[in-house]
Amino acid sequence: MSESPTTATIPGAAEAHGMDQGNTPIHPVRARRPRSIRYASWWWTLPAVLIIVTMHYVSVGVGGFFSFTNYKGFGSFKLVGLDNFIKVFTDPVARGAVGNTLLLALGFVILVNLFGFGFALALNRQLRSRHFLRGLLFMPVVLSPLAVSFVWKFIFQYNGPLNGFLAAAGLGEWQKAWLGDPATAIWTVLLVMVWQHIGITMVIYLAGLANVPQELEEAASMDGAPLLKRFQHVVLPLMRGAVIIASILSLIRGLSVFDQVLALTAGGPFNATETLATQVWRQTFVNSNFGYGSAIALVLTIVIAVLALAQMGLMRGREDHGK
């Protein structure tokens, strides 16, 4: 019975399989591409890099410089040192804007993540109509924040649908000027923010749930683990990455809220809904205090960066500790 030929007995076969005659692996020699081809990809990205640098970093640098001046948007200006920043923390309106911004950001992070995670769990695998419901919940995300806010402004008017429904339901004593009352105006803004952004948070958590093996949940269920224990010890540890992303994005979005406040209340009533973003717009483009507006914008940028990095470090620290 003849033996089948091996790569060692066929001339050139060893070289074809990456071995020399002594069965020593041969590392293929890669032909070096010409320098013009190697650097061609960099030239294609150069316009995008220049646009990003100009639109973001250069503008931030210019704004940071003007924050130390009394620039009014035209004419000459002079350096005023830290006067603008001192005014940010001593002006009652600016201090109120800082408090409102932090309140909206905290409430937004908590509520949008709770509802987004809840809807993601409910629409993950069970319901037959889950695809339709996912699309329905995601639809507000693609709508213009200004358009959505104007619709909600109509709903919250004193003669609007909400008070009409309360009167029809026999709850007339609950009727009020929702956007005209300083005690309720900021909560209506928070409601609109959460309603519009639940969909994107749900999608992030659905992507995280897709990485949770169903076999692990089934094995834990067969071992008699209750639903809460399965969620705590099986699902949640594998969802930490999605939780970090969703929390940081919602924090940044909550701190920089502008469209909803401008359309619903324009910062009123009596500055009850003023935020740092609306103060930047008001001082810069309404009052022509470009220097002071730039200082507020720089403070907002620093607050967003510090809180986002702190939140990221805290969550990653918990993740490492959990491991």
Foldseek 3Di string as FASTA:
>chain_A
DDDDDDLLPDPPSQVVVQADNVRHGHDDDDDDDDPCVVCVVVVVCVVVVVVCCVVPVVVLVVLVVLLQWQFLPDDDIDGNGCPLVVCCCVPPLNVLQAVLLVVLLVLQLVLLLVLLLVLLVVLQPPDPCSVVVLCVQQVLQPDDLLVLLLVVLQQQALPHDVCVVCVVVVNNVPRDNQCADLVRNSVSLSVSSSSSRSSVLNVLQSVLQVPQDVVQLVVCVVVVNDPVRCCVPRRVLSCLVSSLVSSLVSSLCSNQDDSNCCNNHLCDDVNSNNHLNSVLCCVCPVVSRSNSSSSSVVVSVVVSVVVSVVSNVVSVVVSVVVD
